[in-house]
Amino acid sequence: MAIDNKLTDDFLQGIKNIEPELNQLGFKAGSVEKKGVAYFIEYGRRNVAIEFMFGPADWDVEIFIRTQERKFAFKDLLEIPTISDWVADHRYTRQNGRSVEAELHWYMELLKVSLPVVGE
């Protein structure tokens, strides 16, 4: 259980660290929701919302992009050739163990590629 708390702390700190970059992209902090030990954190701008999720069972960072037309999970983004190609060329690889913050920074780069494609 202690490792889960450490990962959650890393996730929450990582969100704080990427927030200035989200702000530069025009996203403002929205809701923070805790369900059990899982966190759902949302940022929004105009007609787009970004939701970060973190919690059990795998303790993975997940991201959703919600536009007026659709909600995109990571697997949905991979169906778009431009994004799929970028992911293939920029695979996330762990360096010296797990870094939740590094994962969040990778997702930020994915957002920069994805937003113009899925509709800002």
PDB file of N, CA and C in Angstrom:
ATOM      1  N   MET A   1       0.816  -1.189   0.000  1.00  0.00           N
ATOM      2  CA  MET A   1       0.000   0.000   0.000  1.00  0.00           C
ATOM      3  C   MET A   1       0.862   1.256   0.000  1.00  0.00           C
ATOM      4  N   ALA A   2       2.022   1.196   0.633  1.00  0.00           N
ATOM      5  CA  ALA A   2       2.885   2.379   0.694  1.00  0.00           C
ATOM      6  C   ALA A   2       3.350   2.810  -0.693  1.00  0.00           C
ATOM      7  N   ILE A   3       3.628   1.843  -1.563  1.00  0.00           N
ATOM      8  CA  ILE A   3       4.063   2.208  -2.918  1.00  0.00           C
ATOM      9  C   ILE A   3       2.947   2.932  -3.657  1.00  0.00           C
ATOM     10  N   ASP A   4       1.691   2.521  -3.450  1.00  0.00           N
ATOM     11  CA  ASP A   4       0.566   3.185  -4.095  1.00  0.00           C
ATOM     12  C   ASP A   4       0.475   4.630  -3.645  1.00  0.00           C
ATOM     13  N   ASN A   5       0.694   4.870  -2.356  1.00  0.00           N
ATOM     14  CA  ASN A   5       0.666   6.236  -1.848  1.00  0.00           C
ATOM     15  C   ASN A   5       1.801   7.057  -2.438  1.00  0.00           C
ATOM     16  N   LYS A   6       2.969   6.464  -2.591  1.00  0.00           N
ATOM     17  CA  LYS A   6       4.114   7.154  -3.195  1.00  0.00           C
ATOM     18  C   LYS A   6       3.806   7.489  -4.640  1.00  0.00           C
ATOM     19  N   LEU A   7       3.242   6.553  -5.383  1.00  0.00           N
ATOM     20  CA  LEU A   7       2.890   6.811  -6.775  1.00  0.00           C
ATOM     21  C   LEU A   7       1.830   7.904  -6.880  1.00  0.00           C
ATOM     22  N   THR A   8       0.850   7.860  -5.984  1.00  0.00           N
ATOM     23  CA  THR A   8      -0.182   8.901  -5.986  1.00  0.00           C
ATOM     24  C   THR A   8       0.433  10.259  -5.682  1.00  0.00           C
ATOM     25  N   ASP A   9       1.312  10.322  -4.713  1.00  0.00           N
ATOM     26  CA  ASP A   9       2.007  11.583  -4.402  1.00  0.00           C
ATOM     27  C   ASP A   9       2.795  12.065  -5.617  1.00  0.00           C
ATOM     28  N   ASP A  10       3.468  11.148  -6.304  1.00  0.00           N
ATOM     29  CA  ASP A  10       4.227  11.504  -7.510  1.00  0.00           C
ATOM     30  C   ASP A  10       3.297  12.032  -8.599  1.00  0.00           C
ATOM     31  N   PHE A  11       2.134  11.402  -8.747  1.00  0.00           N
ATOM     32  CA  PHE A  11       1.155  11.852  -9.739  1.00  0.00           C
ATOM     33  C   PHE A  11       0.677  13.266  -9.419  1.00  0.00           C
ATOM     34  N   LEU A  12       0.272  13.497  -8.190  1.00  0.00           N
ATOM     35  CA  LEU A  12      -0.240  14.819  -7.810  1.00  0.00           C
ATOM     36  C   LEU A  12       0.836  15.897  -7.955  1.00  0.00           C
ATOM     37  N   GLN A  13       2.069  15.574  -7.593  1.00  0.00           N
ATOM     38  CA  GLN A  13       3.163  16.529  -7.770  1.00  0.00           C
ATOM     39  C   GLN A  13       3.445  16.754  -9.250  1.00  0.00           C
ATOM     40  N   GLY A  14       3.389  15.681 -10.036  1.00  0.00           N
ATOM     41  CA  GLY A  14       3.605  15.804 -11.473  1.00  0.00           C
ATOM     42  C   GLY A  14       2.559  16.682 -12.135  1.00  0.00           C
ATOM     43  N   ILE A  15       1.307  16.562 -11.705  1.00  0.00           N
ATOM     44  CA  ILE A  15       0.240  17.429 -12.227  1.00  0.00           C
ATOM     45  C   ILE A  15       0.556  18.887 -11.923  1.00  0.00           C
ATOM     46  N   LYS A  16       0.999  19.155 -10.699  1.00  0.00           N
ATOM     47  CA  LYS A  16       1.373  20.532 -10.344  1.00  0.00           C
ATOM     48  C   LYS A  16       2.499  21.036 -11.244  1.00  0.00           C
ATOM     49  N   ASN A  17       3.429  20.162 -11.555  1.00  0.00           N
ATOM     50  CA  ASN A  17       4.586  20.556 -12.350  1.00  0.00           C
ATOM     51  C   ASN A  17       4.250  20.794 -13.824  1.00  0.00           C
ATOM     52  N   ILE A  18       3.232  20.095 -14.354  1.00  0.00           N
ATOM     53  CA  ILE A  18       2.867  20.321 -15.757  1.00  0.00           C
ATOM     54  C   ILE A  18       1.788  21.387 -15.913  1.00  0.00           C
ATOM     55  N   GLU A  19       1.212  21.827 -14.805  1.00  0.00           N
ATOM     56  CA  GLU A  19       0.135  22.815 -14.895  1.00  0.00           C
ATOM     57  C   GLU A  19       0.551  24.097 -15.619  1.00  0.00           C
ATOM     58  N   PRO A  20       1.766  24.639 -15.404  1.00  0.00           N
ATOM     59  CA  PRO A  20       2.145  25.836 -16.173  1.00  0.00           C
ATOM     60  C   PRO A  20       2.137  25.588 -17.684  1.00  0.00           C
ATOM     61  N   GLU A  21       2.530  24.412 -18.098  1.00  0.00           N
ATOM     62  CA  GLU A  21       2.509  24.088 -19.521  1.00  0.00           C
ATOM     63  C   GLU A  21       1.072  23.978 -20.036  1.00  0.00           C
ATOM     64  N   LEU A  22       0.191  23.400 -19.232  1.00  0.00           N
ATOM     65  CA  LEU A  22      -1.223  23.348 -19.597  1.00  0.00           C
ATOM     66  C   LEU A  22      -1.784  24.767 -19.714  1.00  0.00           C
ATOM     67  N   ASN A  23      -1.405  25.627 -18.772  1.00  0.00           N
ATOM     68  CA  ASN A  23      -1.845  27.028 -18.811  1.00  0.00           C
ATOM     69  C   ASN A  23      -1.359  27.728 -20.073  1.00  0.00           C
ATOM     70  N   GLN A  24      -0.127  27.443 -20.489  1.00  0.00           N
ATOM     71  CA  GLN A  24       0.404  28.040 -21.717  1.00  0.00           C
ATOM     72  C   GLN A  24      -0.397  27.599 -22.942  1.00  0.00           C
ATOM     73  N   LEU A  25      -0.966  26.404 -22.879  1.00  0.00           N
ATOM     74  CA  LEU A  25      -1.805  25.901 -23.968  1.00  0.00           C
ATOM     75  C   LEU A  25      -3.241  26.419 -23.850  1.00  0.00           C
ATOM     76  N   GLY A  26      -3.494  27.234 -22.828  1.00  0.00           N
ATOM     77  CA  GLY A  26      -4.816  27.828 -22.653  1.00  0.00           C
ATOM     78  C   GLY A  26      -5.753  27.049 -21.752  1.00  0.00           C
ATOM     79  N   PHE A  27      -5.268  26.012 -21.104  1.00  0.00           N
ATOM     80  CA  PHE A  27      -6.113  25.209 -20.224  1.00  0.00           C
ATOM     81  C   PHE A  27      -6.077  25.758 -18.802  1.00  0.00           C
ATOM     82  N   LYS A  28      -7.244  25.801 -18.200  1.00  0.00           N
ATOM     83  CA  LYS A  28      -7.390  26.251 -16.821  1.00  0.00           C
ATOM     84  C   LYS A  28      -7.794  25.059 -15.961  1.00  0.00           C
ATOM     85  N   ALA A  29      -7.357  25.093 -14.708  1.00  0.00           N
ATOM     86  CA  ALA A  29      -7.701  24.019 -13.778  1.00  0.00           C
ATOM     87  C   ALA A  29      -9.207  23.929 -13.627  1.00  0.00           C
ATOM     88  N   GLY A  30      -9.696  22.715 -13.649  1.00  0.00           N
ATOM     89  CA  GLY A  30     -11.121  22.469 -13.462  1.00  0.00           C
ATOM     90  C   GLY A  30     -11.331  21.672 -12.198  1.00  0.00           C
ATOM     91  N   SER A  31     -11.975  20.554 -12.334  1.00  0.00           N
ATOM     92  CA  SER A  31     -12.321  19.757 -11.158  1.00  0.00           C
ATOM     93  C   SER A  31     -11.208  18.789 -10.778  1.00  0.00           C
ATOM     94  N   VAL A  32     -11.148  18.528  -9.490  1.00  0.00           N
ATOM     95  CA  VAL A  32     -10.298  17.471  -8.943  1.00  0.00           C
ATOM     96  C   VAL A  32     -11.234  16.579  -8.150  1.00  0.00           C
ATOM     97  N   GLU A  33     -11.304  15.331  -8.561  1.00  0.00           N
ATOM     98  CA  GLU A  33     -12.218  14.416  -7.915  1.00  0.00           C
ATOM     99  C   GLU A  33     -11.451  13.192  -7.448  1.00  0.00           C
ATOM    100  N   LYS A  34     -11.690  12.820  -6.204  1.00  0.00           N
ATOM    101  CA  LYS A  34     -11.074  11.613  -5.658  1.00  0.00           C
ATOM    102  C   LYS A  34     -12.185  10.598  -5.427  1.00  0.00           C
ATOM    103  N   LYS A  35     -12.028   9.439  -6.066  1.00  0.00           N
ATOM    104  CA  LYS A  35     -12.983   8.344  -5.877  1.00  0.00           C
ATOM    105  C   LYS A  35     -12.212   7.183  -5.292  1.00  0.00           C
ATOM    106  N   GLY A  36     -12.418   6.937  -4.015  1.00  0.00           N
ATOM    107  CA  GLY A  36     -11.618   5.928  -3.336  1.00  0.00           C
ATOM    108  C   GLY A  36     -10.177   6.404  -3.292  1.00  0.00           C
ATOM    109  N   VAL A  37      -9.280   5.658  -3.930  1.00  0.00           N
ATOM    110  CA  VAL A  37      -7.873   6.075  -3.989  1.00  0.00           C
ATOM    111  C   VAL A  37      -7.503   6.596  -5.373  1.00  0.00           C
ATOM    112  N   ALA A  38      -8.467   6.629  -6.289  1.00  0.00           N
ATOM    113  CA  ALA A  38      -8.209   7.120  -7.642  1.00  0.00           C
ATOM    114  C   ALA A  38      -8.466   8.631  -7.728  1.00  0.00           C
ATOM    115  N   TYR A  39      -7.711   9.284  -8.606  1.00  0.00           N
ATOM    116  CA  TYR A  39      -7.881  10.715  -8.847  1.00  0.00           C
ATOM    117  C   TYR A  39      -8.280  10.969 -10.286  1.00  0.00           C
ATOM    118  N   PHE A  40      -9.182  11.930 -10.464  1.00  0.00           N
ATOM    119  CA  PHE A  40      -9.632  12.409 -11.772  1.00  0.00           C
ATOM    120  C   PHE A  40      -9.438  13.922 -11.756  1.00  0.00           C
ATOM    121  N   ILE A  41      -8.554  14.418 -12.598  1.00  0.00           N
ATOM    122  CA  ILE A  41      -8.227  15.837 -12.607  1.00  0.00           C
ATOM    123  C   ILE A  41      -8.490  16.383 -13.996  1.00  0.00           C
ATOM    124  N   GLU A  42      -9.275  17.457 -14.059  1.00  0.00           N
ATOM    125  CA  GLU A  42      -9.692  17.997 -15.347  1.00  0.00           C
ATOM    126  C   GLU A  42      -9.201  19.428 -15.538  1.00  0.00           C
ATOM    127  N   TYR A  43      -8.826  19.711 -16.777  1.00  0.00           N
ATOM    128  CA  TYR A  43      -8.455  21.055 -17.225  1.00  0.00           C
ATOM    129  C   TYR A  43      -9.293  21.346 -18.455  1.00  0.00           C
ATOM    130  N   GLY A  44      -9.663  22.610 -18.635  1.00  0.00           N
ATOM    131  CA  GLY A  44     -10.491  22.924 -19.781  1.00  0.00           C
ATOM    132  C   GLY A  44     -10.129  24.246 -20.436  1.00  0.00           C
ATOM    133  N   ARG A  45     -10.533  24.370 -21.682  1.00  0.00           N
ATOM    134  CA  ARG A  45     -10.457  25.613 -22.437  1.00  0.00           C
ATOM    135  C   ARG A  45     -11.520  25.543 -23.522  1.00  0.00           C
ATOM    136  N   ARG A  46     -12.056  26.682 -23.879  1.00  0.00           N
ATOM    137  CA  ARG A  46     -13.098  26.748 -24.911  1.00  0.00           C
ATOM    138  C   ARG A  46     -13.925  25.462 -24.964  1.00  0.00           C
ATOM    139  N   ASN A  47     -13.793  24.701 -26.023  1.00  0.00           N
ATOM    140  CA  ASN A  47     -14.618  23.510 -26.238  1.00  0.00           C
ATOM    141  C   ASN A  47     -13.849  22.210 -26.060  1.00  0.00           C
ATOM    142  N   VAL A  48     -12.750  22.262 -25.305  1.00  0.00           N
ATOM    143  CA  VAL A  48     -11.921  21.072 -25.111  1.00  0.00           C
ATOM    144  C   VAL A  48     -11.635  20.891 -23.624  1.00  0.00           C
ATOM    145  N   ALA A  49     -11.721  19.663 -23.165  1.00  0.00           N
ATOM    146  CA  ALA A  49     -11.341  19.327 -21.790  1.00  0.00           C
ATOM    147  C   ALA A  49     -10.331  18.185 -21.831  1.00  0.00           C
ATOM    148  N   ILE A  50      -9.399  18.250 -20.912  1.00  0.00           N
ATOM    149  CA  ILE A  50      -8.394  17.194 -20.739  1.00  0.00           C
ATOM    150  C   ILE A  50      -8.610  16.603 -19.356  1.00  0.00           C
ATOM    151  N   GLU A  51      -8.693  15.290 -19.286  1.00  0.00           N
ATOM    152  CA  GLU A  51      -8.857  14.634 -17.996  1.00  0.00           C
ATOM    153  C   GLU A  51      -7.711  13.655 -17.781  1.00  0.00           C
ATOM    154  N   PHE A  52      -7.053  13.807 -16.646  1.00  0.00           N
ATOM    155  CA  PHE A  52      -6.010  12.877 -16.226  1.00  0.00           C
ATOM    156  C   PHE A  52      -6.609  11.980 -15.153  1.00  0.00           C
ATOM    157  N   MET A  53      -6.363  10.677 -15.275  1.00  0.00           N
ATOM    158  CA  MET A  53      -6.829   9.723 -14.278  1.00  0.00           C
ATOM    159  C   MET A  53      -5.631   8.932 -13.766  1.00  0.00           C
ATOM    160  N   PHE A  54      -5.694   8.604 -12.479  1.00  0.00           N
ATOM    161  CA  PHE A  54      -4.627   7.807 -11.886  1.00  0.00           C
ATOM    162  C   PHE A  54      -5.203   7.017 -10.724  1.00  0.00           C
ATOM    163  N   GLY A  55      -4.917   5.724 -10.693  1.00  0.00           N
ATOM    164  CA  GLY A  55      -5.380   4.901  -9.587  1.00  0.00           C
ATOM    165  C   GLY A  55      -5.296   3.428  -9.931  1.00  0.00           C
ATOM    166  N   PRO A  56      -5.904   2.597  -9.067  1.00  0.00           N
ATOM    167  CA  PRO A  56      -5.857   1.160  -9.293  1.00  0.00           C
ATOM    168  C   PRO A  56      -6.666   0.781 -10.521  1.00  0.00           C
ATOM    169  N   ALA A  57      -6.470  -0.329 -11.082  1.00  0.00           N
ATOM    170  CA  ALA A  57      -5.742  -1.481 -10.597  1.00  0.00           C
ATOM    171  C   ALA A  57      -4.270  -1.436 -11.001  1.00  0.00           C
ATOM    172  N   ASP A  58      -3.939  -0.765 -12.093  1.00  0.00           N
ATOM    173  CA  ASP A  58      -2.567  -0.791 -12.580  1.00  0.00           C
ATOM    174  C   ASP A  58      -1.730   0.404 -12.164  1.00  0.00           C
ATOM    175  N   TRP A  59      -2.349   1.430 -11.595  1.00  0.00           N
ATOM    176  CA  TRP A  59      -1.654   2.654 -11.202  1.00  0.00           C
ATOM    177  C   TRP A  59      -0.958   3.292 -12.401  1.00  0.00           C
ATOM    178  N   ASP A  60      -1.654   3.300 -13.529  1.00  0.00           N
ATOM    179  CA  ASP A  60      -1.154   3.941 -14.736  1.00  0.00           C
ATOM    180  C   ASP A  60      -1.793   5.322 -14.882  1.00  0.00           C
ATOM    181  N   VAL A  61      -1.077   6.223 -15.508  1.00  0.00           N
ATOM    182  CA  VAL A  61      -1.642   7.512 -15.883  1.00  0.00           C
ATOM    183  C   VAL A  61      -2.501   7.277 -17.123  1.00  0.00           C
ATOM    184  N   GLU A  62      -3.704   7.789 -17.111  1.00  0.00           N
ATOM    185  CA  GLU A  62      -4.570   7.737 -18.288  1.00  0.00           C
ATOM    186  C   GLU A  62      -5.006   9.148 -18.600  1.00  0.00           C
ATOM    187  N   ILE A  63      -5.241   9.403 -19.870  1.00  0.00           N
ATOM    188  CA  ILE A  63      -5.639  10.728 -20.298  1.00  0.00           C
ATOM    189  C   ILE A  63      -6.802  10.607 -21.273  1.00  0.00           C
ATOM    190  N   PHE A  64      -7.703  11.565 -21.186  1.00  0.00           N
ATOM    191  CA  PHE A  64      -8.823  11.660 -22.112  1.00  0.00           C
ATOM    192  C   PHE A  64      -8.879  13.084 -22.643  1.00  0.00           C
ATOM    193  N   ILE A  65      -9.179  13.207 -23.924  1.00  0.00           N
ATOM    194  CA  ILE A  65      -9.425  14.503 -24.536  1.00  0.00           C
ATOM    195  C   ILE A  65     -10.899  14.518 -24.921  1.00  0.00           C
ATOM    196  N   ARG A  66     -11.624  15.502 -24.412  1.00  0.00           N
ATOM    197  CA  ARG A  66     -13.041  15.601 -24.716  1.00  0.00           C
ATOM    198  C   ARG A  66     -13.302  16.865 -25.536  1.00  0.00           C
ATOM    199  N   THR A  67     -13.833  16.672 -26.738  1.00  0.00           N
ATOM    200  CA  THR A  67     -14.223  17.787 -27.591  1.00  0.00           C
ATOM    201  C   THR A  67     -15.755  17.827 -27.617  1.00  0.00           C
ATOM    202  N   GLN A  68     -16.310  18.776 -28.360  1.00  0.00           N
ATOM    203  CA  GLN A  68     -17.769  18.827 -28.464  1.00  0.00           C
ATOM    204  C   GLN A  68     -18.313  17.581 -29.146  1.00  0.00           C
ATOM    205  N   GLU A  69     -17.535  17.019 -30.049  1.00  0.00           N
ATOM    206  CA  GLU A  69     -18.015  15.881 -30.825  1.00  0.00           C
ATOM    207  C   GLU A  69     -17.757  14.525 -30.181  1.00  0.00           C
ATOM    208  N   ARG A  70     -16.672  14.412 -29.386  1.00  0.00           N
ATOM    209  CA  ARG A  70     -16.250  13.075 -28.989  1.00  0.00           C
ATOM    210  C   ARG A  70     -15.313  13.119 -27.780  1.00  0.00           C
ATOM    211  N   LYS A  71     -15.232  11.980 -27.094  1.00  0.00           N
ATOM    212  CA  LYS A  71     -14.264  11.797 -26.021  1.00  0.00           C
ATOM    213  C   LYS A  71     -13.231  10.795 -26.520  1.00  0.00           C
ATOM    214  N   PHE A  72     -11.963  11.182 -26.492  1.00  0.00           N
ATOM    215  CA  PHE A  72     -10.879  10.347 -26.987  1.00  0.00           C
ATOM    216  C   PHE A  72     -10.064   9.783 -25.833  1.00  0.00           C
ATOM    217  N   ALA A  73     -10.020   8.471 -25.724  1.00  0.00           N
ATOM    218  CA  ALA A  73      -9.068   7.801 -24.836  1.00  0.00           C
ATOM    219  C   ALA A  73      -7.788   7.587 -25.649  1.00  0.00           C
ATOM    220  N   PHE A  74      -6.741   7.148 -25.007  1.00  0.00           N
ATOM    221  CA  PHE A  74      -5.473   6.916 -25.698  1.00  0.00           C
ATOM    222  C   PHE A  74      -5.658   5.969 -26.880  1.00  0.00           C
ATOM    223  N   LYS A  75      -6.401   4.886 -26.664  1.00  0.00           N
ATOM    224  CA  LYS A  75      -6.615   3.900 -27.745  1.00  0.00           C
ATOM    225  C   LYS A  75      -7.339   4.524 -28.924  1.00  0.00           C
ATOM    226  N   ASP A  76      -8.232   5.484 -28.657  1.00  0.00           N
ATOM    227  CA  ASP A  76      -8.933   6.180 -29.739  1.00  0.00           C
ATOM    228  C   ASP A  76      -7.970   7.060 -30.525  1.00  0.00           C
ATOM    229  N   LEU A  77      -7.063   7.705 -29.829  1.00  0.00           N
ATOM    230  CA  LEU A  77      -6.079   8.549 -30.502  1.00  0.00           C
ATOM    231  C   LEU A  77      -5.197   7.724 -31.427  1.00  0.00           C
ATOM    232  N   LEU A  78      -4.906   6.498 -31.017  1.00  0.00           N
ATOM    233  CA  LEU A  78      -4.050   5.630 -31.833  1.00  0.00           C
ATOM    234  C   LEU A  78      -4.702   5.208 -33.144  1.00  0.00           C
ATOM    235  N   GLU A  79      -6.004   5.397 -33.272  1.00  0.00           N
ATOM    236  CA  GLU A  79      -6.699   5.082 -34.524  1.00  0.00           C
ATOM    237  C   GLU A  79      -6.481   6.174 -35.579  1.00  0.00           C
ATOM    238  N   ILE A  80      -5.938   7.304 -35.167  1.00  0.00           N
ATOM    239  CA  ILE A  80      -5.703   8.420 -36.076  1.00  0.00           C
ATOM    240  C   ILE A  80      -4.263   8.315 -36.577  1.00  0.00           C
ATOM    241  N   PRO A  81      -4.066   8.135 -37.883  1.00  0.00           N
ATOM    242  CA  PRO A  81      -2.721   7.864 -38.410  1.00  0.00           C
ATOM    243  C   PRO A  81      -1.650   8.875 -37.994  1.00  0.00           C
ATOM    244  N   THR A  82      -1.937  10.150 -38.020  1.00  0.00           N
ATOM    245  CA  THR A  82      -0.937  11.161 -37.637  1.00  0.00           C
ATOM    246  C   THR A  82      -0.457  10.950 -36.210  1.00  0.00           C
ATOM    247  N   ILE A  83      -1.405  10.684 -35.333  1.00  0.00           N
ATOM    248  CA  ILE A  83      -1.073  10.488 -33.914  1.00  0.00           C
ATOM    249  C   ILE A  83      -0.393   9.143 -33.711  1.00  0.00           C
ATOM    250  N   SER A  84      -0.895   8.118 -34.358  1.00  0.00           N
ATOM    251  CA  SER A  84      -0.294   6.790 -34.261  1.00  0.00           C
ATOM    252  C   SER A  84       1.165   6.814 -34.725  1.00  0.00           C
ATOM    253  N   ASP A  85       1.418   7.530 -35.818  1.00  0.00           N
ATOM    254  CA  ASP A  85       2.794   7.648 -36.322  1.00  0.00           C
ATOM    255  C   ASP A  85       3.683   8.353 -35.303  1.00  0.00           C
ATOM    256  N   TRP A  86       3.158   9.421 -34.692  1.00  0.00           N
ATOM    257  CA  TRP A  86       3.947  10.156 -33.697  1.00  0.00           C
ATOM    258  C   TRP A  86       4.272   9.250 -32.511  1.00  0.00           C
ATOM    259  N   VAL A  87       3.265   8.513 -32.040  1.00  0.00           N
ATOM    260  CA  VAL A  87       3.485   7.608 -30.902  1.00  0.00           C
ATOM    261  C   VAL A  87       4.524   6.547 -31.255  1.00  0.00           C
ATOM    262  N   ALA A  88       4.453   6.001 -32.466  1.00  0.00           N
ATOM    263  CA  ALA A  88       5.425   4.987 -32.891  1.00  0.00           C
ATOM    264  C   ALA A  88       6.843   5.552 -32.914  1.00  0.00           C
ATOM    265  N   ASP A  89       6.969   6.814 -33.294  1.00  0.00           N
ATOM    266  CA  ASP A  89       8.289   7.456 -33.362  1.00  0.00           C
ATOM    267  C   ASP A  89       8.769   7.998 -32.022  1.00  0.00           C
ATOM    268  N   HIS A  90       7.868   8.141 -31.063  1.00  0.00           N
ATOM    269  CA  HIS A  90       8.207   8.762 -29.769  1.00  0.00           C
ATOM    270  C   HIS A  90       7.707   7.914 -28.601  1.00  0.00           C
ATOM    271  N   ARG A  91       7.929   6.641 -28.682  1.00  0.00           N
ATOM    272  CA  ARG A  91       7.463   5.737 -27.616  1.00  0.00           C
ATOM    273  C   ARG A  91       8.028   6.174 -26.266  1.00  0.00           C
ATOM    274  N   TYR A  92       7.170   6.069 -25.251  1.00  0.00           N
ATOM    275  CA  TYR A  92       7.635   6.360 -23.895  1.00  0.00           C
ATOM    276  C   TYR A  92       8.394   5.151 -23.377  1.00  0.00           C
ATOM    277  N   THR A  93       9.587   5.380 -22.896  1.00  0.00           N
ATOM    278  CA  THR A  93      10.361   4.309 -22.275  1.00  0.00           C
ATOM    279  C   THR A  93      10.815   4.776 -20.903  1.00  0.00           C
ATOM    280  N   ARG A  94      10.712   3.889 -19.965  1.00  0.00           N
ATOM    281  CA  ARG A  94      11.121   4.217 -18.591  1.00  0.00           C
ATOM    282  C   ARG A  94      12.635   4.287 -18.522  1.00  0.00           C
ATOM    283  N   GLN A  95      13.114   5.282 -17.818  1.00  0.00           N
ATOM    284  CA  GLN A  95      14.545   5.454 -17.582  1.00  0.00           C
ATOM    285  C   GLN A  95      14.799   5.308 -16.086  1.00  0.00           C
ATOM    286  N   ASN A  96      15.603   4.360 -15.690  1.00  0.00           N
ATOM    287  CA  ASN A  96      15.958   4.184 -14.273  1.00  0.00           C
ATOM    288  C   ASN A  96      14.732   4.038 -13.379  1.00  0.00           C
ATOM    289  N   GLY A  97      13.837   3.152 -13.738  1.00  0.00           N
ATOM    290  CA  GLY A  97      12.648   2.932 -12.923  1.00  0.00           C
ATOM    291  C   GLY A  97      11.498   3.823 -13.345  1.00  0.00           C
ATOM    292  N   ARG A  98      10.462   3.789 -12.581  1.00  0.00           N
ATOM    293  CA  ARG A  98       9.237   4.505 -12.932  1.00  0.00           C
ATOM    294  C   ARG A  98       9.291   5.956 -12.503  1.00  0.00           C
ATOM    295  N   SER A  99       8.862   6.828 -13.401  1.00  0.00           N
ATOM    296  CA  SER A  99       8.717   8.250 -13.097  1.00  0.00           C
ATOM    297  C   SER A  99       7.350   8.698 -13.608  1.00  0.00           C
ATOM    298  N   VAL A 100       6.414   8.850 -12.684  1.00  0.00           N
ATOM    299  CA  VAL A 100       5.069   9.281 -13.053  1.00  0.00           C
ATOM    300  C   VAL A 100       5.145  10.668 -13.697  1.00  0.00           C
ATOM    301  N   GLU A 101       6.013  11.517 -13.197  1.00  0.00           N
ATOM    302  CA  GLU A 101       6.149  12.850 -13.782  1.00  0.00           C
ATOM    303  C   GLU A 101       6.643  12.780 -15.232  1.00  0.00           C
ATOM    304  N   ALA A 102       7.589  11.906 -15.519  1.00  0.00           N
ATOM    305  CA  ALA A 102       8.059  11.744 -16.898  1.00  0.00           C
ATOM    306  C   ALA A 102       6.923  11.254 -17.796  1.00  0.00           C
ATOM    307  N   GLU A 103       6.078  10.380 -17.267  1.00  0.00           N
ATOM    308  CA  GLU A 103       4.923   9.918 -18.027  1.00  0.00           C
ATOM    309  C   GLU A 103       3.993  11.092 -18.349  1.00  0.00           C
ATOM    310  N   LEU A 104       3.764  11.954 -17.371  1.00  0.00           N
ATOM    311  CA  LEU A 104       2.904  13.126 -17.588  1.00  0.00           C
ATOM    312  C   LEU A 104       3.502  14.062 -18.629  1.00  0.00           C
ATOM    313  N   HIS A 105       4.814  14.243 -18.597  1.00  0.00           N
ATOM    314  CA  HIS A 105       5.459  15.095 -19.602  1.00  0.00           C
ATOM    315  C   HIS A 105       5.321  14.484 -21.001  1.00  0.00           C
ATOM    316  N   TRP A 106       5.409  13.171 -21.103  1.00  0.00           N
ATOM    317  CA  TRP A 106       5.203  12.515 -22.398  1.00  0.00           C
ATOM    318  C   TRP A 106       3.778  12.761 -22.885  1.00  0.00           C
ATOM    319  N   TYR A 107       2.811  12.637 -21.980  1.00  0.00           N
ATOM    320  CA  TYR A 107       1.426  12.909 -22.354  1.00  0.00           C
ATOM    321  C   TYR A 107       1.227  14.362 -22.786  1.00  0.00           C
ATOM    322  N   MET A 108       1.975  15.275 -22.207  1.00  0.00           N
ATOM    323  CA  MET A 108       1.889  16.674 -22.646  1.00  0.00           C
ATOM    324  C   MET A 108       2.343  16.805 -24.095  1.00  0.00           C
ATOM    325  N   GLU A 109       3.405  16.122 -24.457  1.00  0.00           N
ATOM    326  CA  GLU A 109       3.865  16.153 -25.854  1.00  0.00           C
ATOM    327  C   GLU A 109       2.816  15.525 -26.769  1.00  0.00           C
ATOM    328  N   LEU A 110       2.202  14.444 -26.310  1.00  0.00           N
ATOM    329  CA  LEU A 110       1.127  13.817 -27.078  1.00  0.00           C
ATOM    330  C   LEU A 110      -0.040  14.796 -27.268  1.00  0.00           C
ATOM    331  N   LEU A 111      -0.369  15.540 -26.225  1.00  0.00           N
ATOM    332  CA  LEU A 111      -1.439  16.535 -26.335  1.00  0.00           C
ATOM    333  C   LEU A 111      -1.143  17.573 -27.405  1.00  0.00           C
ATOM    334  N   LYS A 112       0.095  18.036 -27.441  1.00  0.00           N
ATOM    335  CA  LYS A 112       0.475  19.057 -28.423  1.00  0.00           C
ATOM    336  C   LYS A 112       0.296  18.549 -29.854  1.00  0.00           C
ATOM    337  N   VAL A 113       0.517  17.263 -30.053  1.00  0.00           N
ATOM    338  CA  VAL A 113       0.333  16.660 -31.377  1.00  0.00           C
ATOM    339  C   VAL A 113      -1.147  16.393 -31.639  1.00  0.00           C
ATOM    340  N   SER A 114      -1.862  15.953 -30.623  1.00  0.00           N
ATOM    341  CA  SER A 114      -3.240  15.503 -30.779  1.00  0.00           C
ATOM    342  C   SER A 114      -4.251  16.633 -30.909  1.00  0.00           C
ATOM    343  N   LEU A 115      -4.092  17.689 -30.155  1.00  0.00           N
ATOM    344  CA  LEU A 115      -5.112  18.741 -30.130  1.00  0.00           C
ATOM    345  C   LEU A 115      -5.416  19.327 -31.509  1.00  0.00           C
ATOM    346  N   PRO A 116      -4.417  19.665 -32.313  1.00  0.00           N
ATOM    347  CA  PRO A 116      -4.756  20.207 -33.640  1.00  0.00           C
ATOM    348  C   PRO A 116      -5.482  19.191 -34.535  1.00  0.00           C
ATOM    349  N   VAL A 117      -5.274  17.905 -34.270  1.00  0.00           N
ATOM    350  CA  VAL A 117      -5.851  16.861 -35.115  1.00  0.00           C
ATOM    351  C   VAL A 117      -7.302  16.552 -34.711  1.00  0.00           C
ATOM    352  N   VAL A 118      -7.566  16.491 -33.409  1.00  0.00           N
ATOM    353  CA  VAL A 118      -8.903  16.098 -32.955  1.00  0.00           C
ATOM    354  C   VAL A 118      -9.852  17.273 -32.830  1.00  0.00           C
ATOM    355  N   GLY A 119      -9.330  18.471 -32.961  1.00  0.00           N
ATOM    356  CA  GLY A 119     -10.193  19.653 -32.905  1.00  0.00           C
ATOM    357  C   GLY A 119     -10.006  20.445 -31.639  1.00  0.00           C
ATOM    358  N   GLU A 120      -9.327  21.533 -31.795  1.00  0.00           N
ATOM    359  CA  GLU A 120      -9.099  22.406 -30.645  1.00  0.00           C
ATOM    360  C   GLU A 120     -10.365  23.156 -30.354  1.00  0.00           C
TER     361      GLU A 120
END
